[in-house]
Amino acid sequence: MDWAIILRDKILPFARKHLRELIVVAFCLLVVHDVFGEHGLIAMRRTQKEAQQIRREIQRLDEENRALQVRAKALKNDPRAIERVAREELNLAKPGELIFKLPQAPNDPANPGQPGSPNPPKN
């Protein structure tokens, strides 16, 4: 049998008879693809949420960066800032000074890692 004869005798009459149904099915498939497809509406919403989270993270990092730049500038130019870091973080003292360390309370949030502390030690 020749394909042209099959097309003329069977496929075209079927298509003419069921044209509305075929258009509706094609439209429904298109809508499903546009909503659930790889680049559809749901994927677009998910990508927008991810982009918003990334923008928030960038903003947070920019603020942290600005704060670190201010601190670095202070450490380069301000002797009081250098002394504060030396005393608080490095536990240094001026000659003749004594440093007294008092024990921390067991539930002190400023002292993570101690028994009974709600905060685990930071690594």
PDB file of N, CA and C in Angstrom:
ATOM      1  N   MET A   1       0.826  -1.182   0.000  1.00  0.00           N
ATOM      2  CA  MET A   1       0.000   0.000   0.000  1.00  0.00           C
ATOM      3  C   MET A   1       0.873   1.248   0.000  1.00  0.00           C
ATOM      4  N   ASP A   2       0.462   2.205  -0.711  1.00  0.00           N
ATOM      5  CA  ASP A   2       1.203   3.455  -0.852  1.00  0.00           C
ATOM      6  C   ASP A   2       0.817   4.401   0.294  1.00  0.00           C
ATOM      7  N   TRP A   3       1.791   5.139   0.842  1.00  0.00           N
ATOM      8  CA  TRP A   3       1.545   6.056   1.965  1.00  0.00           C
ATOM      9  C   TRP A   3       0.589   7.174   1.564  1.00  0.00           C
ATOM     10  N   ALA A   4       0.656   7.603   0.376  1.00  0.00           N
ATOM     11  CA  ALA A   4      -0.252   8.665  -0.076  1.00  0.00           C
ATOM     12  C   ALA A   4      -1.696   8.193  -0.037  1.00  0.00           C
ATOM     13  N   ILE A   5      -1.926   6.954  -0.386  1.00  0.00           N
ATOM     14  CA  ILE A   5      -3.286   6.401  -0.368  1.00  0.00           C
ATOM     15  C   ILE A   5      -3.775   6.263   1.071  1.00  0.00           C
ATOM     16  N   ILE A   6      -2.892   5.793   1.963  1.00  0.00           N
ATOM     17  CA  ILE A   6      -3.262   5.650   3.379  1.00  0.00           C
ATOM     18  C   ILE A   6      -3.595   7.021   3.966  1.00  0.00           C
ATOM     19  N   LEU A   7      -2.767   7.995   3.632  1.00  0.00           N
ATOM     20  CA  LEU A   7      -3.000   9.350   4.129  1.00  0.00           C
ATOM     21  C   LEU A   7      -4.350   9.881   3.628  1.00  0.00           C
ATOM     22  N   ARG A   8      -4.616   9.702   2.349  1.00  0.00           N
ATOM     23  CA  ARG A   8      -5.839  10.229   1.761  1.00  0.00           C
ATOM     24  C   ARG A   8      -7.077   9.479   2.251  1.00  0.00           C
ATOM     25  N   ASP A   9      -7.002   8.178   2.384  1.00  0.00           N
ATOM     26  CA  ASP A   9      -8.187   7.391   2.694  1.00  0.00           C
ATOM     27  C   ASP A   9      -8.469   7.243   4.187  1.00  0.00           C
ATOM     28  N   LYS A  10      -7.446   7.301   5.036  1.00  0.00           N
ATOM     29  CA  LYS A  10      -7.688   7.003   6.453  1.00  0.00           C
ATOM     30  C   LYS A  10      -7.329   8.158   7.395  1.00  0.00           C
ATOM     31  N   ILE A  11      -6.152   8.744   7.224  1.00  0.00           N
ATOM     32  CA  ILE A  11      -5.685   9.733   8.194  1.00  0.00           C
ATOM     33  C   ILE A  11      -6.417  11.062   8.031  1.00  0.00           C
ATOM     34  N   LEU A  12      -6.531  11.571   6.826  1.00  0.00           N
ATOM     35  CA  LEU A  12      -7.203  12.855   6.627  1.00  0.00           C
ATOM     36  C   LEU A  12      -8.673  12.831   7.040  1.00  0.00           C
ATOM     37  N   PRO A  13      -9.429  11.799   6.688  1.00  0.00           N
ATOM     38  CA  PRO A  13     -10.831  11.781   7.164  1.00  0.00           C
ATOM     39  C   PRO A  13     -10.919  11.730   8.691  1.00  0.00           C
ATOM     40  N   PHE A  14     -10.025  10.980   9.332  1.00  0.00           N
ATOM     41  CA  PHE A  14     -10.004  10.913  10.805  1.00  0.00           C
ATOM     42  C   PHE A  14      -9.672  12.291  11.386  1.00  0.00           C
ATOM     43  N   ALA A  15      -8.675  12.962  10.825  1.00  0.00           N
ATOM     44  CA  ALA A  15      -8.267  14.282  11.317  1.00  0.00           C
ATOM     45  C   ALA A  15      -9.392  15.296  11.147  1.00  0.00           C
ATOM     46  N   ARG A  16     -10.087  15.256   9.998  1.00  0.00           N
ATOM     47  CA  ARG A  16     -11.200  16.196   9.780  1.00  0.00           C
ATOM     48  C   ARG A  16     -12.336  15.939  10.754  1.00  0.00           C
ATOM     49  N   LYS A  17     -12.613  14.668  11.003  1.00  0.00           N
ATOM     50  CA  LYS A  17     -13.721  14.298  11.879  1.00  0.00           C
ATOM     51  C   LYS A  17     -13.430  14.678  13.335  1.00  0.00           C
ATOM     52  N   HIS A  18     -12.177  14.562  13.774  1.00  0.00           N
ATOM     53  CA  HIS A  18     -11.819  14.782  15.186  1.00  0.00           C
ATOM     54  C   HIS A  18     -10.910  16.005  15.364  1.00  0.00           C
ATOM     55  N   LEU A  19     -11.068  16.995  14.509  1.00  0.00           N
ATOM     56  CA  LEU A  19     -10.191  18.173  14.544  1.00  0.00           C
ATOM     57  C   LEU A  19     -10.295  18.922  15.876  1.00  0.00           C
ATOM     58  N   ARG A  20     -11.496  19.151  16.379  1.00  0.00           N
ATOM     59  CA  ARG A  20     -11.650  19.859  17.653  1.00  0.00           C
ATOM     60  C   ARG A  20     -10.964  19.112  18.787  1.00  0.00           C
ATOM     61  N   GLU A  21     -11.193  17.817  18.872  1.00  0.00           N
ATOM     62  CA  GLU A  21     -10.587  17.025  19.938  1.00  0.00           C
ATOM     63  C   GLU A  21      -9.062  17.055  19.843  1.00  0.00           C
ATOM     64  N   LEU A  22      -8.531  16.989  18.648  1.00  0.00           N
ATOM     65  CA  LEU A  22      -7.081  17.025  18.476  1.00  0.00           C
ATOM     66  C   LEU A  22      -6.512  18.382  18.896  1.00  0.00           C
ATOM     67  N   ILE A  23      -7.221  19.456  18.557  1.00  0.00           N
ATOM     68  CA  ILE A  23      -6.766  20.797  18.965  1.00  0.00           C
ATOM     69  C   ILE A  23      -6.807  20.926  20.482  1.00  0.00           C
ATOM     70  N   VAL A  24      -7.873  20.436  21.120  1.00  0.00           N
ATOM     71  CA  VAL A  24      -7.991  20.511  22.584  1.00  0.00           C
ATOM     72  C   VAL A  24      -6.878  19.706  23.243  1.00  0.00           C
ATOM     73  N   VAL A  25      -6.625  18.505  22.748  1.00  0.00           N
ATOM     74  CA  VAL A  25      -5.555  17.668  23.319  1.00  0.00           C
ATOM     75  C   VAL A  25      -4.200  18.352  23.134  1.00  0.00           C
ATOM     76  N   ALA A  26      -3.951  18.903  21.959  1.00  0.00           N
ATOM     77  CA  ALA A  26      -2.680  19.601  21.718  1.00  0.00           C
ATOM     78  C   ALA A  26      -2.543  20.813  22.636  1.00  0.00           C
ATOM     79  N   PHE A  27      -3.627  21.560  22.814  1.00  0.00           N
ATOM     80  CA  PHE A  27      -3.587  22.721  23.710  1.00  0.00           C
ATOM     81  C   PHE A  27      -3.321  22.284  25.153  1.00  0.00           C
ATOM     82  N   CYS A  28      -3.973  21.225  25.601  1.00  0.00           N
ATOM     83  CA  CYS A  28      -3.761  20.716  26.958  1.00  0.00           C
ATOM     84  C   CYS A  28      -2.313  20.269  27.153  1.00  0.00           C
ATOM     85  N   LEU A  29      -1.767  19.589  26.170  1.00  0.00           N
ATOM     86  CA  LEU A  29      -0.364  19.175  26.265  1.00  0.00           C
ATOM     87  C   LEU A  29       0.562  20.386  26.336  1.00  0.00           C
ATOM     88  N   LEU A  30       0.249  21.410  25.577  1.00  0.00           N
ATOM     89  CA  LEU A  30       1.049  22.632  25.603  1.00  0.00           C
ATOM     90  C   LEU A  30       0.984  23.307  26.971  1.00  0.00           C
ATOM     91  N   VAL A  31      -0.208  23.372  27.555  1.00  0.00           N
ATOM     92  CA  VAL A  31      -0.371  23.978  28.881  1.00  0.00           C
ATOM     93  C   VAL A  31       0.399  23.174  29.930  1.00  0.00           C
ATOM     94  N   VAL A  32       0.272  21.863  29.893  1.00  0.00           N
ATOM     95  CA  VAL A  32       1.001  21.015  30.851  1.00  0.00           C
ATOM     96  C   VAL A  32       2.502  21.229  30.696  1.00  0.00           C
ATOM     97  N   HIS A  33       2.972  21.296  29.483  1.00  0.00           N
ATOM     98  CA  HIS A  33       4.406  21.520  29.249  1.00  0.00           C
ATOM     99  C   HIS A  33       4.834  22.891  29.768  1.00  0.00           C
ATOM    100  N   ASP A  34       4.007  23.915  29.533  1.00  0.00           N
ATOM    101  CA  ASP A  34       4.346  25.266  29.985  1.00  0.00           C
ATOM    102  C   ASP A  34       4.333  25.394  31.505  1.00  0.00           C
ATOM    103  N   VAL A  35       3.534  24.603  32.186  1.00  0.00           N
ATOM    104  CA  VAL A  35       3.476  24.679  33.646  1.00  0.00           C
ATOM    105  C   VAL A  35       4.517  23.769  34.284  1.00  0.00           C
ATOM    106  N   PHE A  36       4.596  22.526  33.839  1.00  0.00           N
ATOM    107  CA  PHE A  36       5.429  21.537  34.514  1.00  0.00           C
ATOM    108  C   PHE A  36       6.724  21.207  33.783  1.00  0.00           C
ATOM    109  N   GLY A  37       6.948  21.779  32.626  1.00  0.00           N
ATOM    110  CA  GLY A  37       8.124  21.445  31.827  1.00  0.00           C
ATOM    111  C   GLY A  37       9.423  21.935  32.453  1.00  0.00           C
ATOM    112  N   GLU A  38      10.508  21.582  31.822  1.00  0.00           N
ATOM    113  CA  GLU A  38      11.851  21.918  32.321  1.00  0.00           C
ATOM    114  C   GLU A  38      12.037  23.422  32.476  1.00  0.00           C
ATOM    115  N   HIS A  39      11.450  24.206  31.593  1.00  0.00           N
ATOM    116  CA  HIS A  39      11.531  25.661  31.670  1.00  0.00           C
ATOM    117  C   HIS A  39      10.149  26.268  31.902  1.00  0.00           C
ATOM    118  N   GLY A  40       9.284  25.520  32.566  1.00  0.00           N
ATOM    119  CA  GLY A  40       7.911  25.948  32.769  1.00  0.00           C
ATOM    120  C   GLY A  40       7.755  26.898  33.945  1.00  0.00           C
ATOM    121  N   LEU A  41       6.505  27.153  34.265  1.00  0.00           N
ATOM    122  CA  LEU A  41       6.146  28.107  35.307  1.00  0.00           C
ATOM    123  C   LEU A  41       6.696  27.691  36.668  1.00  0.00           C
ATOM    124  N   ILE A  42       6.574  26.438  37.014  1.00  0.00           N
ATOM    125  CA  ILE A  42       7.056  25.969  38.319  1.00  0.00           C
ATOM    126  C   ILE A  42       8.572  26.098  38.403  1.00  0.00           C
ATOM    127  N   ALA A  43       9.275  25.718  37.360  1.00  0.00           N
ATOM    128  CA  ALA A  43      10.734  25.856  37.352  1.00  0.00           C
ATOM    129  C   ALA A  43      11.140  27.321  37.438  1.00  0.00           C
ATOM    130  N   MET A  44      10.389  28.192  36.778  1.00  0.00           N
ATOM    131  CA  MET A  44      10.698  29.619  36.825  1.00  0.00           C
ATOM    132  C   MET A  44      10.514  30.168  38.240  1.00  0.00           C
ATOM    133  N   ARG A  45       9.458  29.775  38.927  1.00  0.00           N
ATOM    134  CA  ARG A  45       9.223  30.230  40.303  1.00  0.00           C
ATOM    135  C   ARG A  45      10.344  29.740  41.223  1.00  0.00           C
ATOM    136  N   ARG A  46      10.746  28.490  41.059  1.00  0.00           N
ATOM    137  CA  ARG A  46      11.830  27.929  41.868  1.00  0.00           C
ATOM    138  C   ARG A  46      13.124  28.704  41.616  1.00  0.00           C
ATOM    139  N   THR A  47      13.399  29.022  40.380  1.00  0.00           N
ATOM    140  CA  THR A  47      14.604  29.784  40.043  1.00  0.00           C
ATOM    141  C   THR A  47      14.541  31.190  40.616  1.00  0.00           C
ATOM    142  N   GLN A  48      13.369  31.807  40.600  1.00  0.00           N
ATOM    143  CA  GLN A  48      13.226  33.137  41.186  1.00  0.00           C
ATOM    144  C   GLN A  48      13.479  33.112  42.689  1.00  0.00           C
ATOM    145  N   LYS A  49      12.985  32.084  43.372  1.00  0.00           N
ATOM    146  CA  LYS A  49      13.231  31.958  44.816  1.00  0.00           C
ATOM    147  C   LYS A  49      14.718  31.767  45.095  1.00  0.00           C
ATOM    148  N   GLU A  50      15.373  30.931  44.309  1.00  0.00           N
ATOM    149  CA  GLU A  50      16.810  30.728  44.484  1.00  0.00           C
ATOM    150  C   GLU A  50      17.580  32.021  44.251  1.00  0.00           C
ATOM    151  N   ALA A  51      17.189  32.779  43.230  1.00  0.00           N
ATOM    152  CA  ALA A  51      17.858  34.047  42.942  1.00  0.00           C
ATOM    153  C   ALA A  51      17.655  35.032  44.089  1.00  0.00           C
ATOM    154  N   GLN A  52      16.463  35.061  44.677  1.00  0.00           N
ATOM    155  CA  GLN A  52      16.200  35.950  45.810  1.00  0.00           C
ATOM    156  C   GLN A  52      17.054  35.546  47.008  1.00  0.00           C
ATOM    157  N   GLN A  53      17.189  34.256  47.270  1.00  0.00           N
ATOM    158  CA  GLN A  53      18.043  33.799  48.373  1.00  0.00           C
ATOM    159  C   GLN A  53      19.496  34.185  48.125  1.00  0.00           C
ATOM    160  N   ILE A  54      19.938  34.065  46.901  1.00  0.00           N
ATOM    161  CA  ILE A  54      21.321  34.425  46.569  1.00  0.00           C
ATOM    162  C   ILE A  54      21.519  35.933  46.736  1.00  0.00           C
ATOM    163  N   ARG A  55      20.520  36.730  46.330  1.00  0.00           N
ATOM    164  CA  ARG A  55      20.621  38.187  46.524  1.00  0.00           C
ATOM    165  C   ARG A  55      20.712  38.538  48.005  1.00  0.00           C
ATOM    166  N   ARG A  56      19.916  37.858  48.857  1.00  0.00           N
ATOM    167  CA  ARG A  56      19.993  38.111  50.295  1.00  0.00           C
ATOM    168  C   ARG A  56      21.364  37.720  50.846  1.00  0.00           C
ATOM    169  N   GLU A  57      21.900  36.602  50.396  1.00  0.00           N
ATOM    170  CA  GLU A  57      23.221  36.159  50.853  1.00  0.00           C
ATOM    171  C   GLU A  57      24.297  37.153  50.414  1.00  0.00           C
ATOM    172  N   ILE A  58      24.198  37.663  49.199  1.00  0.00           N
ATOM    173  CA  ILE A  58      25.157  38.661  48.717  1.00  0.00           C
ATOM    174  C   ILE A  58      25.059  39.925  49.558  1.00  0.00           C
ATOM    175  N   GLN A  59      23.845  40.351  49.878  1.00  0.00           N
ATOM    176  CA  GLN A  59      23.673  41.545  50.706  1.00  0.00           C
ATOM    177  C   GLN A  59      24.288  41.332  52.086  1.00  0.00           C
ATOM    178  N   ARG A  60      24.057  40.158  52.678  1.00  0.00           N
ATOM    179  CA  ARG A  60      24.633  39.857  53.993  1.00  0.00           C
ATOM    180  C   ARG A  60      26.151  39.868  53.927  1.00  0.00           C
ATOM    181  N   LEU A  61      26.712  39.266  52.890  1.00  0.00           N
ATOM    182  CA  LEU A  61      28.165  39.232  52.745  1.00  0.00           C
ATOM    183  C   LEU A  61      28.739  40.620  52.484  1.00  0.00           C
ATOM    184  N   ASP A  62      28.016  41.461  51.745  1.00  0.00           N
ATOM    185  CA  ASP A  62      28.466  42.842  51.532  1.00  0.00           C
ATOM    186  C   ASP A  62      28.523  43.608  52.850  1.00  0.00           C
ATOM    187  N   GLU A  63      27.494  43.427  53.681  1.00  0.00           N
ATOM    188  CA  GLU A  63      27.482  44.097  54.988  1.00  0.00           C
ATOM    189  C   GLU A  63      28.630  43.594  55.860  1.00  0.00           C
ATOM    190  N   GLU A  64      28.833  42.286  55.854  1.00  0.00           N
ATOM    191  CA  GLU A  64      29.940  41.717  56.628  1.00  0.00           C
ATOM    192  C   GLU A  64      31.276  42.241  56.104  1.00  0.00           C
ATOM    193  N   ASN A  65      31.400  42.345  54.802  1.00  0.00           N
ATOM    194  CA  ASN A  65      32.626  42.850  54.188  1.00  0.00           C
ATOM    195  C   ASN A  65      32.878  44.300  54.599  1.00  0.00           C
ATOM    196  N   ARG A  66      31.815  45.122  54.580  1.00  0.00           N
ATOM    197  CA  ARG A  66      31.969  46.523  55.005  1.00  0.00           C
ATOM    198  C   ARG A  66      32.419  46.601  56.467  1.00  0.00           C
ATOM    199  N   ALA A  67      31.824  45.782  57.330  1.00  0.00           N
ATOM    200  CA  ALA A  67      32.203  45.791  58.743  1.00  0.00           C
ATOM    201  C   ALA A  67      33.656  45.367  58.912  1.00  0.00           C
ATOM    202  N   LEU A  68      34.086  44.372  58.152  1.00  0.00           N
ATOM    203  CA  LEU A  68      35.474  43.929  58.241  1.00  0.00           C
ATOM    204  C   LEU A  68      36.429  44.993  57.706  1.00  0.00           C
ATOM    205  N   GLN A  69      36.011  45.727  56.675  1.00  0.00           N
ATOM    206  CA  GLN A  69      36.853  46.807  56.163  1.00  0.00           C
ATOM    207  C   GLN A  69      37.002  47.922  57.194  1.00  0.00           C
ATOM    208  N   VAL A  70      35.912  48.241  57.888  1.00  0.00           N
ATOM    209  CA  VAL A  70      35.974  49.262  58.942  1.00  0.00           C
ATOM    210  C   VAL A  70      36.904  48.796  60.052  1.00  0.00           C
ATOM    211  N   ARG A  71      36.781  47.526  60.444  1.00  0.00           N
ATOM    212  CA  ARG A  71      37.642  46.992  61.508  1.00  0.00           C
ATOM    213  C   ARG A  71      39.107  46.986  61.069  1.00  0.00           C
ATOM    214  N   ALA A  72      39.369  46.587  59.828  1.00  0.00           N
ATOM    215  CA  ALA A  72      40.749  46.566  59.328  1.00  0.00           C
ATOM    216  C   ALA A  72      41.336  47.968  59.300  1.00  0.00           C
ATOM    217  N   LYS A  73      40.531  48.937  58.872  1.00  0.00           N
ATOM    218  CA  LYS A  73      41.013  50.321  58.847  1.00  0.00           C
ATOM    219  C   LYS A  73      41.327  50.800  60.263  1.00  0.00           C
ATOM    220  N   ALA A  74      40.447  50.448  61.214  1.00  0.00           N
ATOM    221  CA  ALA A  74      40.682  50.843  62.601  1.00  0.00           C
ATOM    222  C   ALA A  74      41.952  50.193  63.138  1.00  0.00           C
ATOM    223  N   LEU A  75      42.171  48.947  62.804  1.00  0.00           N
ATOM    224  CA  LEU A  75      43.372  48.256  63.290  1.00  0.00           C
ATOM    225  C   LEU A  75      44.640  48.835  62.662  1.00  0.00           C
ATOM    226  N   LYS A  76      44.539  49.404  61.483  1.00  0.00           N
ATOM    227  CA  LYS A  76      45.706  50.020  60.848  1.00  0.00           C
ATOM    228  C   LYS A  76      46.002  51.396  61.430  1.00  0.00           C
ATOM    229  N   ASN A  77      44.959  52.132  61.843  1.00  0.00           N
ATOM    230  CA  ASN A  77      45.138  53.543  62.184  1.00  0.00           C
ATOM    231  C   ASN A  77      44.858  53.896  63.635  1.00  0.00           C
ATOM    232  N   ASP A  78      44.107  53.086  64.370  1.00  0.00           N
ATOM    233  CA  ASP A  78      43.669  53.462  65.718  1.00  0.00           C
ATOM    234  C   ASP A  78      44.403  52.635  66.770  1.00  0.00           C
ATOM    235  N   PRO A  79      45.276  53.250  67.542  1.00  0.00           N
ATOM    236  CA  PRO A  79      46.009  52.506  68.569  1.00  0.00           C
ATOM    237  C   PRO A  79      45.079  51.902  69.627  1.00  0.00           C
ATOM    238  N   ARG A  80      43.950  52.564  69.906  1.00  0.00           N
ATOM    239  CA  ARG A  80      43.021  52.001  70.899  1.00  0.00           C
ATOM    240  C   ARG A  80      42.397  50.706  70.389  1.00  0.00           C
ATOM    241  N   ALA A  81      42.104  50.629  69.094  1.00  0.00           N
ATOM    242  CA  ALA A  81      41.549  49.400  68.527  1.00  0.00           C
ATOM    243  C   ALA A  81      42.574  48.275  68.596  1.00  0.00           C
ATOM    244  N   ILE A  82      43.824  48.605  68.323  1.00  0.00           N
ATOM    245  CA  ILE A  82      44.887  47.589  68.403  1.00  0.00           C
ATOM    246  C   ILE A  82      45.018  47.105  69.835  1.00  0.00           C
ATOM    247  N   GLU A  83      44.991  48.033  70.792  1.00  0.00           N
ATOM    248  CA  GLU A  83      45.111  47.650  72.204  1.00  0.00           C
ATOM    249  C   GLU A  83      43.926  46.787  72.637  1.00  0.00           C
ATOM    250  N   ARG A  84      42.714  47.151  72.184  1.00  0.00           N
ATOM    251  CA  ARG A  84      41.526  46.372  72.541  1.00  0.00           C
ATOM    252  C   ARG A  84      41.648  44.929  72.049  1.00  0.00           C
ATOM    253  N   VAL A  85      42.112  44.743  70.812  1.00  0.00           N
ATOM    254  CA  VAL A  85      42.288  43.383  70.281  1.00  0.00           C
ATOM    255  C   VAL A  85      43.365  42.653  71.069  1.00  0.00           C
ATOM    256  N   ALA A  86      44.460  43.349  71.376  1.00  0.00           N
ATOM    257  CA  ALA A  86      45.550  42.719  72.127  1.00  0.00           C
ATOM    258  C   ALA A  86      45.068  42.268  73.504  1.00  0.00           C
ATOM    259  N   ARG A  87      44.255  43.084  74.156  1.00  0.00           N
ATOM    260  CA  ARG A  87      43.783  42.740  75.495  1.00  0.00           C
ATOM    261  C   ARG A  87      42.690  41.669  75.469  1.00  0.00           C
ATOM    262  N   GLU A  88      41.688  41.842  74.609  1.00  0.00           N
ATOM    263  CA  GLU A  88      40.516  40.962  74.635  1.00  0.00           C
ATOM    264  C   GLU A  88      40.748  39.630  73.925  1.00  0.00           C
ATOM    265  N   GLU A  89      41.416  39.665  72.784  1.00  0.00           N
ATOM    266  CA  GLU A  89      41.544  38.444  71.998  1.00  0.00           C
ATOM    267  C   GLU A  89      42.862  37.724  72.239  1.00  0.00           C
ATOM    268  N   LEU A  90      43.913  38.471  72.522  1.00  0.00           N
ATOM    269  CA  LEU A  90      45.229  37.856  72.710  1.00  0.00           C
ATOM    270  C   LEU A  90      45.631  37.770  74.178  1.00  0.00           C
ATOM    271  N   ASN A  91      44.802  38.313  75.075  1.00  0.00           N
ATOM    272  CA  ASN A  91      45.054  38.294  76.520  1.00  0.00           C
ATOM    273  C   ASN A  91      46.411  38.884  76.877  1.00  0.00           C
ATOM    274  N   LEU A  92      46.784  39.971  76.234  1.00  0.00           N
ATOM    275  CA  LEU A  92      48.039  40.654  76.530  1.00  0.00           C
ATOM    276  C   LEU A  92      47.784  41.763  77.542  1.00  0.00           C
ATOM    277  N   ALA A  93      48.831  42.143  78.238  1.00  0.00           N
ATOM    278  CA  ALA A  93      48.735  43.207  79.230  1.00  0.00           C
ATOM    279  C   ALA A  93      49.942  44.114  79.101  1.00  0.00           C
ATOM    280  N   LYS A  94      49.807  45.329  79.624  1.00  0.00           N
ATOM    281  CA  LYS A  94      50.931  46.255  79.662  1.00  0.00           C
ATOM    282  C   LYS A  94      51.899  45.780  80.744  1.00  0.00           C
ATOM    283  N   PRO A  95      53.147  46.178  80.656  1.00  0.00           N
ATOM    284  CA  PRO A  95      54.094  45.791  81.712  1.00  0.00           C
ATOM    285  C   PRO A  95      53.609  46.280  83.073  1.00  0.00           C
ATOM    286  N   GLY A  96      53.665  45.392  84.035  1.00  0.00           N
ATOM    287  CA  GLY A  96      53.243  45.727  85.389  1.00  0.00           C
ATOM    288  C   GLY A  96      51.779  45.442  85.656  1.00  0.00           C
ATOM    289  N   GLU A  97      50.971  45.186  84.646  1.00  0.00           N
ATOM    290  CA  GLU A  97      49.554  44.879  84.838  1.00  0.00           C
ATOM    291  C   GLU A  97      49.387  43.398  85.140  1.00  0.00           C
ATOM    292  N   LEU A  98      48.379  43.083  85.913  1.00  0.00           N
ATOM    293  CA  LEU A  98      48.026  41.697  86.203  1.00  0.00           C
ATOM    294  C   LEU A  98      46.657  41.419  85.583  1.00  0.00           C
ATOM    295  N   ILE A  99      46.499  40.215  85.063  1.00  0.00           N
ATOM    296  CA  ILE A  99      45.219  39.818  84.474  1.00  0.00           C
ATOM    297  C   ILE A  99      44.600  38.777  85.392  1.00  0.00           C
ATOM    298  N   PHE A 100      43.398  39.051  85.847  1.00  0.00           N
ATOM    299  CA  PHE A 100      42.667  38.106  86.676  1.00  0.00           C
ATOM    300  C   PHE A 100      41.555  37.508  85.832  1.00  0.00           C
ATOM    301  N   LYS A 101      41.526  36.200  85.760  1.00  0.00           N
ATOM    302  CA  LYS A 101      40.472  35.517  85.009  1.00  0.00           C
ATOM    303  C   LYS A 101      39.532  34.876  86.009  1.00  0.00           C
ATOM    304  N   LEU A 102      38.275  35.232  85.897  1.00  0.00           N
ATOM    305  CA  LEU A 102      37.257  34.687  86.778  1.00  0.00           C
ATOM    306  C   LEU A 102      36.576  33.525  86.075  1.00  0.00           C
ATOM    307  N   PRO A 103      36.195  32.506  86.825  1.00  0.00           N
ATOM    308  CA  PRO A 103      35.503  31.382  86.179  1.00  0.00           C
ATOM    309  C   PRO A 103      34.141  31.816  85.648  1.00  0.00           C
ATOM    310  N   GLN A 104      33.784  31.259  84.518  1.00  0.00           N
ATOM    311  CA  GLN A 104      32.506  31.564  83.881  1.00  0.00           C
ATOM    312  C   GLN A 104      31.407  30.746  84.550  1.00  0.00           C
ATOM    313  N   ALA A 105      30.203  31.290  84.543  1.00  0.00           N
ATOM    314  CA  ALA A 105      29.049  30.535  85.017  1.00  0.00           C
ATOM    315  C   ALA A 105      28.797  29.390  84.046  1.00  0.00           C
ATOM    316  N   PRO A 106      28.341  28.221  84.519  1.00  0.00           N
ATOM    317  CA  PRO A 106      28.172  27.064  83.628  1.00  0.00           C
ATOM    318  C   PRO A 106      27.182  27.285  82.498  1.00  0.00           C
ATOM    319  N   ASN A 107      26.160  28.099  82.690  1.00  0.00           N
ATOM    320  CA  ASN A 107      25.156  28.327  81.641  1.00  0.00           C
ATOM    321  C   ASN A 107      25.347  29.664  80.954  1.00  0.00           C
ATOM    322  N   ASP A 108      26.566  30.189  80.971  1.00  0.00           N
ATOM    323  CA  ASP A 108      26.861  31.490  80.371  1.00  0.00           C
ATOM    324  C   ASP A 108      26.927  31.354  78.854  1.00  0.00           C
ATOM    325  N   PRO A 109      26.039  32.037  78.109  1.00  0.00           N
ATOM    326  CA  PRO A 109      26.078  31.937  76.638  1.00  0.00           C
ATOM    327  C   PRO A 109      27.356  32.518  76.045  1.00  0.00           C
ATOM    328  N   ALA A 110      28.068  33.343  76.785  1.00  0.00           N
ATOM    329  CA  ALA A 110      29.320  33.905  76.282  1.00  0.00           C
ATOM    330  C   ALA A 110      30.456  32.903  76.366  1.00  0.00           C
ATOM    331  N   ASN A 111      30.220  31.761  77.006  1.00  0.00           N
ATOM    332  CA  ASN A 111      31.259  30.758  77.189  1.00  0.00           C
ATOM    333  C   ASN A 111      30.788  29.428  76.609  1.00  0.00           C
ATOM    334  N   PRO A 112      30.756  29.298  75.284  1.00  0.00           N
ATOM    335  CA  PRO A 112      30.262  28.054  74.678  1.00  0.00           C
ATOM    336  C   PRO A 112      31.208  26.897  74.942  1.00  0.00           C
ATOM    337  N   GLY A 113      30.628  25.736  75.010  1.00  0.00           N
ATOM    338  CA  GLY A 113      31.431  24.529  75.149  1.00  0.00           C
ATOM    339  C   GLY A 113      31.610  24.080  76.581  1.00  0.00           C
ATOM    340  N   GLN A 114      31.208  24.892  77.543  1.00  0.00           N
ATOM    341  CA  GLN A 114      31.303  24.494  78.936  1.00  0.00           C
ATOM    342  C   GLN A 114      30.161  23.545  79.262  1.00  0.00           C
ATOM    343  N   PRO A 115      30.327  22.678  80.225  1.00  0.00           N
ATOM    344  CA  PRO A 115      29.228  21.781  80.612  1.00  0.00           C
ATOM    345  C   PRO A 115      27.997  22.576  81.008  1.00  0.00           C
ATOM    346  N   GLY A 116      26.863  22.171  80.505  1.00  0.00           N
ATOM    347  CA  GLY A 116      25.610  22.855  80.805  1.00  0.00           C
ATOM    348  C   GLY A 116      25.351  24.055  79.924  1.00  0.00           C
ATOM    349  N   SER A 117      26.278  24.397  79.056  1.00  0.00           N
ATOM    350  CA  SER A 117      26.109  25.554  78.187  1.00  0.00           C
ATOM    351  C   SER A 117      25.169  25.200  77.040  1.00  0.00           C
ATOM    352  N   PRO A 118      24.234  26.107  76.695  1.00  0.00           N
ATOM    353  CA  PRO A 118      23.330  25.803  75.579  1.00  0.00           C
ATOM    354  C   PRO A 118      24.009  25.884  74.229  1.00  0.00           C
ATOM    355  N   ASN A 119      25.182  26.502  74.152  1.00  0.00           N
ATOM    356  CA  ASN A 119      25.881  26.676  72.879  1.00  0.00           C
ATOM    357  C   ASN A 119      27.028  25.676  72.766  1.00  0.00           C
ATOM    358  N   PRO A 120      27.082  24.927  71.674  1.00  0.00           N
ATOM    359  CA  PRO A 120      28.225  24.032  71.474  1.00  0.00           C
ATOM    360  C   PRO A 120      29.468  24.841  71.122  1.00  0.00           C
ATOM    361  N   PRO A 121      30.643  24.268  71.309  1.00  0.00           N
ATOM    362  CA  PRO A 121      31.861  25.014  70.955  1.00  0.00           C
ATOM    363  C   PRO A 121      31.911  25.252  69.452  1.00  0.00           C
ATOM    364  N   LYS A 122      32.447  26.409  69.073  1.00  0.00           N
ATOM    365  CA  LYS A 122      32.578  26.759  67.653  1.00  0.00           C
ATOM    366  C   LYS A 122      33.933  26.299  67.162  1.00  0.00           C
ATOM    367  N   ASN A 123      33.922  25.609  66.026  1.00  0.00           N
ATOM    368  CA  ASN A 123      35.192  25.129  65.437  1.00  0.00           C
ATOM    369  C   ASN A 123      35.557  25.916  64.247  1.00  0.00           C
TER     370      ASN A 123
END
